[in-house]
Amino acid sequence: ILVNPYPGKRNSTPQWRGLEVRSRAGGQWLPIFFGLQQADGF
């Protein structure tokens, strides 16, 4: 998150392309953020 700022425009970089956006916040991040709410290491 800290080294990949949002470009605010369409692009095909490894970090900010549509499928990768979907996979992160609409996929992989969901069980992490909510499933680890009681974890001190988060």
PDB file of all heavy atoms in Angstrom:
ATOM      1  N   ILE A   1       0.827  -1.212   0.000  1.00  0.00           N
ATOM      2  CA  ILE A   1       0.000   0.000   0.000  1.00  0.00           C
ATOM      3  C   ILE A   1       0.859   1.258   0.000  1.00  0.00           C
ATOM      4  O   ILE A   1       0.586   2.210  -0.751  1.00  0.00           O
ATOM      5  CB  ILE A   1      -0.951  -0.010   1.207  1.00  0.00           C
ATOM      6  CG1 ILE A   1      -1.998  -1.126   1.058  1.00  0.00           C
ATOM      7  CG2 ILE A   1      -1.655   1.353   1.352  1.00  0.00           C
ATOM      8  CD1 ILE A   1      -2.848  -1.337   2.296  1.00  0.00           C
ATOM      9  N   LEU A   2       1.911   1.263   0.786  1.00  0.00           N
ATOM     10  CA  LEU A   2       2.702   2.481   0.943  1.00  0.00           C
ATOM     11  C   LEU A   2       3.550   2.816  -0.272  1.00  0.00           C
ATOM     12  O   LEU A   2       3.832   3.987  -0.517  1.00  0.00           O
ATOM     13  CB  LEU A   2       3.594   2.369   2.179  1.00  0.00           C
ATOM     14  CG  LEU A   2       2.850   2.380   3.517  1.00  0.00           C
ATOM     15  CD1 LEU A   2       3.824   2.268   4.679  1.00  0.00           C
ATOM     16  CD2 LEU A   2       2.008   3.651   3.661  1.00  0.00           C
ATOM     17  N   VAL A   3       3.949   1.825  -1.045  1.00  0.00           N
ATOM     18  CA  VAL A   3       4.843   2.123  -2.178  1.00  0.00           C
ATOM     19  C   VAL A   3       4.133   2.082  -3.524  1.00  0.00           C
ATOM     20  O   VAL A   3       4.777   2.268  -4.563  1.00  0.00           O
ATOM     21  CB  VAL A   3       6.063   1.171  -2.197  1.00  0.00           C
ATOM     22  CG1 VAL A   3       6.854   1.291  -0.916  1.00  0.00           C
ATOM     23  CG2 VAL A   3       5.639  -0.264  -2.445  1.00  0.00           C
ATOM     24  N   ASN A   4       2.819   1.865  -3.499  1.00  0.00           N
ATOM     25  CA  ASN A   4       2.071   1.814  -4.761  1.00  0.00           C
ATOM     26  C   ASN A   4       0.874   2.765  -4.708  1.00  0.00           C
ATOM     27  O   ASN A   4      -0.278   2.326  -4.644  1.00  0.00           O
ATOM     28  CB  ASN A   4       1.604   0.377  -5.032  1.00  0.00           C
ATOM     29  CG  ASN A   4       2.754  -0.561  -5.295  1.00  0.00           C
ATOM     30  OD1 ASN A   4       3.522  -0.373  -6.234  1.00  0.00           O
ATOM     31  ND2 ASN A   4       2.894  -1.586  -4.458  1.00  0.00           N
ATOM     32  N   PRO A   5       1.122   4.072  -4.738  1.00  0.00           N
ATOM     33  CA  PRO A   5       0.019   5.028  -4.657  1.00  0.00           C
ATOM     34  C   PRO A   5      -0.927   4.899  -5.840  1.00  0.00           C
ATOM     35  O   PRO A   5      -0.523   4.536  -6.948  1.00  0.00           O
ATOM     36  CB  PRO A   5       0.727   6.391  -4.651  1.00  0.00           C
ATOM     37  CG  PRO A   5       2.048   6.133  -5.319  1.00  0.00           C
ATOM     38  CD  PRO A   5       2.425   4.742  -4.910  1.00  0.00           C
ATOM     39  N   TYR A   6      -2.180   5.198  -5.589  1.00  0.00           N
ATOM     40  CA  TYR A   6      -3.208   5.096  -6.619  1.00  0.00           C
ATOM     41  C   TYR A   6      -2.955   6.108  -7.726  1.00  0.00           C
ATOM     42  O   TYR A   6      -2.871   7.309  -7.475  1.00  0.00           O
ATOM     43  CB  TYR A   6      -4.577   5.338  -5.986  1.00  0.00           C
ATOM     44  CG  TYR A   6      -5.733   5.317  -6.960  1.00  0.00           C
ATOM     45  CD1 TYR A   6      -5.837   4.334  -7.928  1.00  0.00           C
ATOM     46  CD2 TYR A   6      -6.739   6.281  -6.890  1.00  0.00           C
ATOM     47  CE1 TYR A   6      -6.908   4.301  -8.807  1.00  0.00           C
ATOM     48  CE2 TYR A   6      -7.817   6.252  -7.761  1.00  0.00           C
ATOM     49  CZ  TYR A   6      -7.891   5.268  -8.719  1.00  0.00           C
ATOM     50  OH  TYR A   6      -8.947   5.236  -9.605  1.00  0.00           O
ATOM     51  N   PRO A   7      -2.862   5.667  -8.999  1.00  0.00           N
ATOM     52  CA  PRO A   7      -2.575   6.602 -10.080  1.00  0.00           C
ATOM     53  C   PRO A   7      -3.779   7.426 -10.512  1.00  0.00           C
ATOM     54  O   PRO A   7      -3.622   8.449 -11.184  1.00  0.00           O
ATOM     55  CB  PRO A   7      -2.113   5.682 -11.217  1.00  0.00           C
ATOM     56  CG  PRO A   7      -2.831   4.393 -10.957  1.00  0.00           C
ATOM     57  CD  PRO A   7      -2.881   4.264  -9.458  1.00  0.00           C
ATOM     58  N   GLY A   8      -4.985   6.978 -10.193  1.00  0.00           N
ATOM     59  CA  GLY A   8      -6.176   7.736 -10.547  1.00  0.00           C
ATOM     60  C   GLY A   8      -6.519   7.737 -12.018  1.00  0.00           C
ATOM     61  O   GLY A   8      -7.265   8.591 -12.488  1.00  0.00           O
ATOM     62  N   LYS A   9      -5.994   6.779 -12.769  1.00  0.00           N
ATOM     63  CA  LYS A   9      -6.288   6.698 -14.188  1.00  0.00           C
ATOM     64  C   LYS A   9      -6.132   5.257 -14.647  1.00  0.00           C
ATOM     65  O   LYS A   9      -5.491   4.437 -13.978  1.00  0.00           O
ATOM     66  CB  LYS A   9      -5.357   7.603 -14.997  1.00  0.00           C
ATOM     67  CG  LYS A   9      -3.884   7.246 -14.860  1.00  0.00           C
ATOM     68  CD  LYS A   9      -3.015   8.209 -15.653  1.00  0.00           C
ATOM     69  CE  LYS A   9      -1.538   7.842 -15.507  1.00  0.00           C
ATOM     70  NZ  LYS A   9      -0.663   8.785 -16.282  1.00  0.00           N
ATOM     71  N   ARG A  10      -6.706   4.947 -15.809  1.00  0.00           N
ATOM     72  CA  ARG A  10      -6.587   3.601 -16.364  1.00  0.00           C
ATOM     73  C   ARG A  10      -5.133   3.308 -16.705  1.00  0.00           C
ATOM     74  O   ARG A  10      -4.437   4.148 -17.284  1.00  0.00           O
ATOM     75  CB  ARG A  10      -7.442   3.480 -17.621  1.00  0.00           C
ATOM     76  CG  ARG A  10      -7.458   2.080 -18.216  1.00  0.00           C
ATOM     77  CD  ARG A  10      -8.196   2.069 -19.546  1.00  0.00           C
ATOM     78  NE  ARG A  10      -9.569   2.546 -19.402  1.00  0.00           N
ATOM     79  CZ  ARG A  10     -10.585   1.780 -19.022  1.00  0.00           C
ATOM     80  NH1 ARG A  10     -10.384   0.500 -18.739  1.00  0.00           N
ATOM     81  NH2 ARG A  10     -11.809   2.280 -18.928  1.00  0.00           N
ATOM     82  N   ASN A  11      -4.656   2.137 -16.339  1.00  0.00           N
ATOM     83  CA  ASN A  11      -3.299   1.761 -16.709  1.00  0.00           C
ATOM     84  C   ASN A  11      -3.149   0.254 -16.664  1.00  0.00           C
ATOM     85  O   ASN A  11      -4.045  -0.460 -16.205  1.00  0.00           O
ATOM     86  CB  ASN A  11      -2.273   2.440 -15.798  1.00  0.00           C
ATOM     87  CG  ASN A  11      -2.271   1.848 -14.396  1.00  0.00           C
ATOM     88  OD1 ASN A  11      -1.438   1.019 -14.064  1.00  0.00           O
ATOM     89  ND2 ASN A  11      -3.224   2.255 -13.567  1.00  0.00           N
ATOM     90  N   SER A  12      -2.016  -0.242 -17.139  1.00  0.00           N
ATOM     91  CA  SER A  12      -1.789  -1.683 -17.193  1.00  0.00           C
ATOM     92  C   SER A  12      -0.517  -2.062 -16.449  1.00  0.00           C
ATOM     93  O   SER A  12       0.124  -3.055 -16.776  1.00  0.00           O
ATOM     94  CB  SER A  12      -1.707  -2.153 -18.652  1.00  0.00           C
ATOM     95  OG  SER A  12      -0.659  -1.474 -19.335  1.00  0.00           O
ATOM     96  N   THR A  13      -0.134  -1.253 -15.467  1.00  0.00           N
ATOM     97  CA  THR A  13       1.036  -1.592 -14.673  1.00  0.00           C
ATOM     98  C   THR A  13       0.762  -2.853 -13.861  1.00  0.00           C
ATOM     99  O   THR A  13      -0.403  -3.231 -13.649  1.00  0.00           O
ATOM    100  CB  THR A  13       1.382  -0.448 -13.710  1.00  0.00           C
ATOM    101  OG1 THR A  13       0.289  -0.263 -12.795  1.00  0.00           O
ATOM    102  CG2 THR A  13       1.646   0.841 -14.462  1.00  0.00           C
ATOM    103  N   PRO A  14       1.811  -3.523 -13.389  1.00  0.00           N
ATOM    104  CA  PRO A  14       1.565  -4.701 -12.554  1.00  0.00           C
ATOM    105  C   PRO A  14       0.719  -4.393 -11.331  1.00  0.00           C
ATOM    106  O   PRO A  14      -0.064  -5.230 -10.879  1.00  0.00           O
ATOM    107  CB  PRO A  14       2.985  -5.141 -12.157  1.00  0.00           C
ATOM    108  CG  PRO A  14       3.877  -4.606 -13.225  1.00  0.00           C
ATOM    109  CD  PRO A  14       3.246  -3.305 -13.636  1.00  0.00           C
ATOM    110  N   GLN A  15       0.857  -3.172 -10.788  1.00  0.00           N
ATOM    111  CA  GLN A  15       0.184  -2.844  -9.542  1.00  0.00           C
ATOM    112  C   GLN A  15      -1.261  -2.399  -9.713  1.00  0.00           C
ATOM    113  O   GLN A  15      -2.092  -2.660  -8.834  1.00  0.00           O
ATOM    114  CB  GLN A  15       0.969  -1.733  -8.810  1.00  0.00           C
ATOM    115  CG  GLN A  15       2.399  -2.111  -8.471  1.00  0.00           C
ATOM    116  CD  GLN A  15       3.388  -1.644  -9.529  1.00  0.00           C
ATOM    117  OE1 GLN A  15       3.090  -1.680 -10.723  1.00  0.00           O
ATOM    118  NE2 GLN A  15       4.560  -1.202  -9.095  1.00  0.00           N
ATOM    119  N   TRP A  16      -1.575  -1.702 -10.800  1.00  0.00           N
ATOM    120  CA  TRP A  16      -2.903  -1.097 -10.908  1.00  0.00           C
ATOM    121  C   TRP A  16      -3.537  -1.387 -12.261  1.00  0.00           C
ATOM    122  O   TRP A  16      -3.582  -0.533 -13.140  1.00  0.00           O
ATOM    123  CB  TRP A  16      -2.833   0.414 -10.673  1.00  0.00           C
ATOM    124  CG  TRP A  16      -2.624   0.789  -9.246  1.00  0.00           C
ATOM    125  CD1 TRP A  16      -1.447   1.121  -8.643  1.00  0.00           C
ATOM    126  CD2 TRP A  16      -3.629   0.870  -8.239  1.00  0.00           C
ATOM    127  NE1 TRP A  16      -1.660   1.398  -7.330  1.00  0.00           N
ATOM    128  CE2 TRP A  16      -2.987   1.259  -7.044  1.00  0.00           C
ATOM    129  CE3 TRP A  16      -5.017   0.657  -8.219  1.00  0.00           C
ATOM    130  CZ2 TRP A  16      -3.676   1.431  -5.843  1.00  0.00           C
ATOM    131  CZ3 TRP A  16      -5.707   0.823  -7.030  1.00  0.00           C
ATOM    132  CH2 TRP A  16      -5.042   1.212  -5.853  1.00  0.00           C
ATOM    133  N   ARG A  17      -4.046  -2.575 -12.394  1.00  0.00           N
ATOM    134  CA  ARG A  17      -4.848  -2.943 -13.549  1.00  0.00           C
ATOM    135  C   ARG A  17      -6.154  -3.505 -13.008  1.00  0.00           C
ATOM    136  O   ARG A  17      -6.228  -3.951 -11.860  1.00  0.00           O
ATOM    137  CB  ARG A  17      -4.113  -3.983 -14.411  1.00  0.00           C
ATOM    138  CG  ARG A  17      -4.778  -4.239 -15.762  1.00  0.00           C
ATOM    139  CD  ARG A  17      -4.038  -5.315 -16.537  1.00  0.00           C
ATOM    140  NE  ARG A  17      -4.120  -6.611 -15.861  1.00  0.00           N
ATOM    141  CZ  ARG A  17      -4.126  -7.783 -16.494  1.00  0.00           C
ATOM    142  NH1 ARG A  17      -4.039  -7.844 -17.806  1.00  0.00           N
ATOM    143  NH2 ARG A  17      -4.194  -8.908 -15.798  1.00  0.00           N
ATOM    144  N   GLY A  18      -7.196  -3.524 -13.812  1.00  0.00           N
ATOM    145  CA  GLY A  18      -8.514  -3.868 -13.307  1.00  0.00           C
ATOM    146  C   GLY A  18      -8.617  -5.203 -12.612  1.00  0.00           C
ATOM    147  O   GLY A  18      -9.231  -5.328 -11.547  1.00  0.00           O
ATOM    148  N   LEU A  19      -8.035  -6.245 -13.190  1.00  0.00           N
ATOM    149  CA  LEU A  19      -8.150  -7.565 -12.584  1.00  0.00           C
ATOM    150  C   LEU A  19      -7.390  -7.643 -11.259  1.00  0.00           C
ATOM    151  O   LEU A  19      -7.818  -8.343 -10.327  1.00  0.00           O
ATOM    152  CB  LEU A  19      -7.636  -8.638 -13.535  1.00  0.00           C
ATOM    153  CG  LEU A  19      -8.447  -8.852 -14.815  1.00  0.00           C
ATOM    154  CD1 LEU A  19      -7.962 -10.092 -15.540  1.00  0.00           C
ATOM    155  CD2 LEU A  19      -9.940  -8.962 -14.516  1.00  0.00           C
ATOM    156  N   GLU A  20      -6.279  -6.925 -11.172  1.00  0.00           N
ATOM    157  CA  GLU A  20      -5.523  -6.933  -9.929  1.00  0.00           C
ATOM    158  C   GLU A  20      -6.250  -6.143  -8.848  1.00  0.00           C
ATOM    159  O   GLU A  20      -6.260  -6.535  -7.676  1.00  0.00           O
ATOM    160  CB  GLU A  20      -4.123  -6.360 -10.161  1.00  0.00           C
ATOM    161  CG  GLU A  20      -3.213  -7.271 -10.944  1.00  0.00           C
ATOM    162  CD  GLU A  20      -3.709  -7.546 -12.367  1.00  0.00           C
ATOM    163  OE1 GLU A  20      -3.889  -6.584 -13.133  1.00  0.00           O
ATOM    164  OE2 GLU A  20      -3.941  -8.734 -12.695  1.00  0.00           O
ATOM    165  N   VAL A  21      -6.876  -5.030  -9.234  1.00  0.00           N
ATOM    166  CA  VAL A  21      -7.688  -4.253  -8.298  1.00  0.00           C
ATOM    167  C   VAL A  21      -8.790  -5.125  -7.712  1.00  0.00           C
ATOM    168  O   VAL A  21      -9.021  -5.169  -6.496  1.00  0.00           O
ATOM    169  CB  VAL A  21      -8.290  -3.026  -9.006  1.00  0.00           C
ATOM    170  CG1 VAL A  21      -9.401  -2.388  -8.168  1.00  0.00           C
ATOM    171  CG2 VAL A  21      -7.197  -2.003  -9.298  1.00  0.00           C
ATOM    172  N   ARG A  22      -9.466  -5.848  -8.597  1.00  0.00           N
ATOM    173  CA  ARG A  22     -10.561  -6.707  -8.149  1.00  0.00           C
ATOM    174  C   ARG A  22     -10.046  -7.805  -7.223  1.00  0.00           C
ATOM    175  O   ARG A  22     -10.650  -8.107  -6.189  1.00  0.00           O
ATOM    176  CB  ARG A  22     -11.253  -7.314  -9.375  1.00  0.00           C
ATOM    177  CG  ARG A  22     -12.424  -8.221  -9.023  1.00  0.00           C
ATOM    178  CD  ARG A  22     -12.018  -9.652  -8.877  1.00  0.00           C
ATOM    179  NE  ARG A  22     -13.122 -10.457  -8.349  1.00  0.00           N
ATOM    180  CZ  ARG A  22     -12.956 -11.655  -7.817  1.00  0.00           C
ATOM    181  NH1 ARG A  22     -11.752 -12.175  -7.734  1.00  0.00           N
ATOM    182  NH2 ARG A  22     -14.004 -12.316  -7.361  1.00  0.00           N
ATOM    183  N   SER A  23      -8.927  -8.417  -7.587  1.00  0.00           N
ATOM    184  CA  SER A  23      -8.412  -9.538  -6.810  1.00  0.00           C
ATOM    185  C   SER A  23      -7.991  -9.126  -5.412  1.00  0.00           C
ATOM    186  O   SER A  23      -8.149  -9.891  -4.461  1.00  0.00           O
ATOM    187  CB  SER A  23      -7.227 -10.179  -7.536  1.00  0.00           C
ATOM    188  OG  SER A  23      -6.724 -11.282  -6.831  1.00  0.00           O
ATOM    189  N   ARG A  24      -7.487  -7.900  -5.286  1.00  0.00           N
ATOM    190  CA  ARG A  24      -7.035  -7.450  -3.958  1.00  0.00           C
ATOM    191  C   ARG A  24      -8.224  -7.057  -3.080  1.00  0.00           C
ATOM    192  O   ARG A  24      -8.635  -7.794  -2.175  1.00  0.00           O
ATOM    193  CB  ARG A  24      -6.063  -6.264  -4.114  1.00  0.00           C
ATOM    194  CG  ARG A  24      -4.696  -6.646  -4.646  1.00  0.00           C
ATOM    195  CD  ARG A  24      -3.716  -5.483  -4.516  1.00  0.00           C
ATOM    196  NE  ARG A  24      -4.165  -4.286  -5.192  1.00  0.00           N
ATOM    197  CZ  ARG A  24      -3.830  -3.939  -6.436  1.00  0.00           C
ATOM    198  NH1 ARG A  24      -3.051  -4.730  -7.159  1.00  0.00           N
ATOM    199  NH2 ARG A  24      -4.279  -2.809  -6.975  1.00  0.00           N
ATOM    200  N   ALA A  25      -8.774  -5.874  -3.315  1.00  0.00           N
ATOM    201  CA  ALA A  25      -9.792  -5.342  -2.401  1.00  0.00           C
ATOM    202  C   ALA A  25     -11.115  -6.087  -2.487  1.00  0.00           C
ATOM    203  O   ALA A  25     -11.866  -6.125  -1.510  1.00  0.00           O
ATOM    204  CB  ALA A  25     -10.015  -3.848  -2.677  1.00  0.00           C
ATOM    205  N   GLY A  26     -11.415  -6.676  -3.643  1.00  0.00           N
ATOM    206  CA  GLY A  26     -12.662  -7.420  -3.776  1.00  0.00           C
ATOM    207  C   GLY A  26     -12.501  -8.903  -3.583  1.00  0.00           C
ATOM    208  O   GLY A  26     -13.445  -9.669  -3.783  1.00  0.00           O
ATOM    209  N   GLY A  27     -11.292  -9.327  -3.173  1.00  0.00           N
ATOM    210  CA  GLY A  27     -11.038 -10.752  -3.023  1.00  0.00           C
ATOM    211  C   GLY A  27     -10.145 -11.055  -1.833  1.00  0.00           C
ATOM    212  O   GLY A  27     -10.596 -11.291  -0.728  1.00  0.00           O
ATOM    213  N   GLN A  28      -8.828 -11.017  -2.054  1.00  0.00           N
ATOM    214  CA  GLN A  28      -7.871 -11.459  -1.044  1.00  0.00           C
ATOM    215  C   GLN A  28      -7.942 -10.663   0.257  1.00  0.00           C
ATOM    216  O   GLN A  28      -7.749 -11.227   1.345  1.00  0.00           O
ATOM    217  CB  GLN A  28      -6.445 -11.375  -1.606  1.00  0.00           C
ATOM    218  CG  GLN A  28      -6.178 -12.255  -2.807  1.00  0.00           C
ATOM    219  CD  GLN A  28      -6.089 -13.732  -2.449  1.00  0.00           C
ATOM    220  OE1 GLN A  28      -6.111 -14.120  -1.285  1.00  0.00           O
ATOM    221  NE2 GLN A  28      -5.993 -14.575  -3.473  1.00  0.00           N
ATOM    222  N   TRP A  29      -8.201  -9.359   0.169  1.00  0.00           N
ATOM    223  CA  TRP A  29      -8.181  -8.540   1.375  1.00  0.00           C
ATOM    224  C   TRP A  29      -9.376  -8.763   2.295  1.00  0.00           C
ATOM    225  O   TRP A  29      -9.291  -8.517   3.495  1.00  0.00           O
ATOM    226  CB  TRP A  29      -8.132  -7.058   1.002  1.00  0.00           C
ATOM    227  CG  TRP A  29      -6.817  -6.600   0.466  1.00  0.00           C
ATOM    228  CD1 TRP A  29      -5.730  -7.364   0.132  1.00  0.00           C
ATOM    229  CD2 TRP A  29      -6.443  -5.251   0.185  1.00  0.00           C
ATOM    230  NE1 TRP A  29      -4.720  -6.575  -0.340  1.00  0.00           N
ATOM    231  CE2 TRP A  29      -5.115  -5.281  -0.316  1.00  0.00           C
ATOM    232  CE3 TRP A  29      -7.099  -4.014   0.305  1.00  0.00           C
ATOM    233  CZ2 TRP A  29      -4.435  -4.106  -0.683  1.00  0.00           C
ATOM    234  CZ3 TRP A  29      -6.429  -2.855  -0.067  1.00  0.00           C
ATOM    235  CH2 TRP A  29      -5.109  -2.905  -0.555  1.00  0.00           C
ATOM    236  N   LEU A  30     -10.482  -9.213   1.759  1.00  0.00           N
ATOM    237  CA  LEU A  30     -11.710  -9.294   2.553  1.00  0.00           C
ATOM    238  C   LEU A  30     -11.582 -10.249   3.744  1.00  0.00           C
ATOM    239  O   LEU A  30     -11.866  -9.847   4.888  1.00  0.00           O
ATOM    240  CB  LEU A  30     -12.882  -9.689   1.665  1.00  0.00           C
ATOM    241  CG  LEU A  30     -13.270  -8.653   0.602  1.00  0.00           C
ATOM    242  CD1 LEU A  30     -14.328  -9.232  -0.330  1.00  0.00           C
ATOM    243  CD2 LEU A  30     -13.785  -7.380   1.259  1.00  0.00           C
ATOM    244  N   PRO A  31     -11.191 -11.517   3.556  1.00  0.00           N
ATOM    245  CA  PRO A  31     -11.070 -12.398   4.721  1.00  0.00           C
ATOM    246  C   PRO A  31      -9.939 -12.010   5.644  1.00  0.00           C
ATOM    247  O   PRO A  31      -9.934 -12.398   6.821  1.00  0.00           O
ATOM    248  CB  PRO A  31     -10.839 -13.783   4.095  1.00  0.00           C
ATOM    249  CG  PRO A  31     -10.253 -13.492   2.751  1.00  0.00           C
ATOM    250  CD  PRO A  31     -10.911 -12.220   2.293  1.00  0.00           C
ATOM    251  N   ILE A  32      -8.968 -11.250   5.133  1.00  0.00           N
ATOM    252  CA  ILE A  32      -7.874 -10.777   5.986  1.00  0.00           C
ATOM    253  C   ILE A  32      -8.383  -9.680   6.916  1.00  0.00           C
ATOM    254  O   ILE A  32      -8.242  -9.764   8.145  1.00  0.00           O
ATOM    255  CB  ILE A  32      -6.703 -10.260   5.127  1.00  0.00           C
ATOM    256  CG1 ILE A  32      -6.062 -11.411   4.362  1.00  0.00           C
ATOM    257  CG2 ILE A  32      -5.675  -9.533   5.992  1.00  0.00           C
ATOM    258  CD1 ILE A  32      -5.081 -10.973   3.295  1.00  0.00           C
ATOM    259  N   PHE A  33      -8.984  -8.656   6.340  1.00  0.00           N
ATOM    260  CA  PHE A  33      -9.407  -7.524   7.162  1.00  0.00           C
ATOM    261  C   PHE A  33     -10.443  -7.947   8.206  1.00  0.00           C
ATOM    262  O   PHE A  33     -10.309  -7.622   9.390  1.00  0.00           O
ATOM    263  CB  PHE A  33      -9.981  -6.408   6.283  1.00  0.00           C
ATOM    264  CG  PHE A  33     -10.350  -5.182   7.087  1.00  0.00           C
ATOM    265  CD1 PHE A  33      -9.382  -4.246   7.405  1.00  0.00           C
ATOM    266  CD2 PHE A  33     -11.645  -4.982   7.530  1.00  0.00           C
ATOM    267  CE1 PHE A  33      -9.712  -3.120   8.165  1.00  0.00           C
ATOM    268  CE2 PHE A  33     -11.981  -3.868   8.278  1.00  0.00           C
ATOM    269  CZ  PHE A  33     -11.014  -2.929   8.598  1.00  0.00           C
ATOM    270  N   PHE A  34     -11.459  -8.684   7.792  1.00  0.00           N
ATOM    271  CA  PHE A  34     -12.524  -9.034   8.728  1.00  0.00           C
ATOM    272  C   PHE A  34     -12.221 -10.297   9.531  1.00  0.00           C
ATOM    273  O   PHE A  34     -12.634 -10.404  10.688  1.00  0.00           O
ATOM    274  CB  PHE A  34     -13.846  -9.174   7.977  1.00  0.00           C
ATOM    275  CG  PHE A  34     -14.367  -7.867   7.464  1.00  0.00           C
ATOM    276  CD1 PHE A  34     -14.167  -7.492   6.148  1.00  0.00           C
ATOM    277  CD2 PHE A  34     -15.027  -6.995   8.312  1.00  0.00           C
ATOM    278  CE1 PHE A  34     -14.626  -6.272   5.670  1.00  0.00           C
ATOM    279  CE2 PHE A  34     -15.493  -5.773   7.848  1.00  0.00           C
ATOM    280  CZ  PHE A  34     -15.293  -5.406   6.534  1.00  0.00           C
ATOM    281  N   GLY A  35     -11.494 -11.229   8.954  1.00  0.00           N
ATOM    282  CA  GLY A  35     -11.213 -12.471   9.650  1.00  0.00           C
ATOM    283  C   GLY A  35     -10.133 -12.368  10.704  1.00  0.00           C
ATOM    284  O   GLY A  35      -9.977 -13.269  11.534  1.00  0.00           O
ATOM    285  N   LEU A  36      -9.381 -11.251  10.689  1.00  0.00           N
ATOM    286  CA  LEU A  36      -8.292 -11.073  11.646  1.00  0.00           C
ATOM    287  C   LEU A  36      -8.564  -9.926  12.612  1.00  0.00           C
ATOM    288  O   LEU A  36      -7.631  -9.396  13.226  1.00  0.00           O
ATOM    289  CB  LEU A  36      -6.978 -10.832  10.899  1.00  0.00           C
ATOM    290  CG  LEU A  36      -6.489 -11.981  10.015  1.00  0.00           C
ATOM    291  CD1 LEU A  36      -5.227 -11.574   9.275  1.00  0.00           C
ATOM    292  CD2 LEU A  36      -6.235 -13.235  10.841  1.00  0.00           C
ATOM    293  N   GLN A  37      -9.810  -9.555  12.778  1.00  0.00           N
ATOM    294  CA  GLN A  37     -10.120  -8.418  13.645  1.00  0.00           C
ATOM    295  C   GLN A  37      -9.709  -8.646  15.102  1.00  0.00           C
ATOM    296  O   GLN A  37      -9.470  -7.695  15.832  1.00  0.00           O
ATOM    297  CB  GLN A  37     -11.610  -8.087  13.562  1.00  0.00           C
ATOM    298  CG  GLN A  37     -11.996  -7.260  12.355  1.00  0.00           C
ATOM    299  CD  GLN A  37     -11.299  -5.918  12.324  1.00  0.00           C
ATOM    300  OE1 GLN A  37     -11.243  -5.195  13.319  1.00  0.00           O
ATOM    301  NE2 GLN A  37     -10.748  -5.573  11.177  1.00  0.00           N
ATOM    302  N   GLN A  38      -9.624  -9.880  15.526  1.00  0.00           N
ATOM    303  CA  GLN A  38      -9.242 -10.155  16.912  1.00  0.00           C
ATOM    304  C   GLN A  38      -7.759 -10.509  17.046  1.00  0.00           C
ATOM    305  O   GLN A  38      -7.311 -10.870  18.136  1.00  0.00           O
ATOM    306  CB  GLN A  38     -10.097 -11.299  17.471  1.00  0.00           C
ATOM    307  CG  GLN A  38     -11.589 -11.096  17.332  1.00  0.00           C
ATOM    308  CD  GLN A  38     -12.066  -9.783  17.929  1.00  0.00           C
ATOM    309  OE1 GLN A  38     -11.648  -9.398  19.018  1.00  0.00           O
ATOM    310  NE2 GLN A  38     -12.952  -9.098  17.220  1.00  0.00           N
ATOM    311  N   ALA A  39      -6.999 -10.393  15.963  1.00  0.00           N
ATOM    312  CA  ALA A  39      -5.593 -10.784  15.978  1.00  0.00           C
ATOM    313  C   ALA A  39      -4.696  -9.603  16.312  1.00  0.00           C
ATOM    314  O   ALA A  39      -4.686  -8.596  15.596  1.00  0.00           O
ATOM    315  CB  ALA A  39      -5.200 -11.377  14.622  1.00  0.00           C
ATOM    316  N   ASP A  40      -3.929  -9.726  17.382  1.00  0.00           N
ATOM    317  CA  ASP A  40      -3.028  -8.638  17.779  1.00  0.00           C
ATOM    318  C   ASP A  40      -1.950  -8.399  16.732  1.00  0.00           C
ATOM    319  O   ASP A  40      -1.467  -7.274  16.577  1.00  0.00           O
ATOM    320  CB  ASP A  40      -2.381  -8.974  19.117  1.00  0.00           C
ATOM    321  CG  ASP A  40      -3.377  -8.981  20.275  1.00  0.00           C
ATOM    322  OD1 ASP A  40      -4.444  -8.339  20.129  1.00  0.00           O
ATOM    323  OD2 ASP A  40      -3.095  -9.643  21.296  1.00  0.00           O
ATOM    324  N   GLY A  41      -1.553  -9.451  16.010  1.00  0.00           N
ATOM    325  CA  GLY A  41      -0.503  -9.295  15.014  1.00  0.00           C
ATOM    326  C   GLY A  41      -0.925  -8.556  13.766  1.00  0.00           C
ATOM    327  O   GLY A  41      -0.089  -8.206  12.933  1.00  0.00           O
ATOM    328  N   PHE A  42      -2.214  -8.326  13.626  1.00  0.00           N
ATOM    329  CA  PHE A  42      -2.737  -7.523  12.519  1.00  0.00           C
ATOM    330  C   PHE A  42      -2.745  -6.092  13.021  1.00  0.00           C
ATOM    331  O   PHE A  42      -3.643  -5.662  13.728  1.00  0.00           O
ATOM    332  CB  PHE A  42      -4.134  -8.004  12.154  1.00  0.00           C
ATOM    333  CG  PHE A  42      -4.768  -7.338  10.974  1.00  0.00           C
ATOM    334  CD1 PHE A  42      -4.014  -6.852   9.922  1.00  0.00           C
ATOM    335  CD2 PHE A  42      -6.153  -7.196  10.910  1.00  0.00           C
ATOM    336  CE1 PHE A  42      -4.613  -6.229   8.834  1.00  0.00           C
ATOM    337  CE2 PHE A  42      -6.764  -6.586   9.826  1.00  0.00           C
ATOM    338  CZ  PHE A  42      -5.994  -6.105   8.788  1.00  0.00           C
TER     339      PHE A  42
END
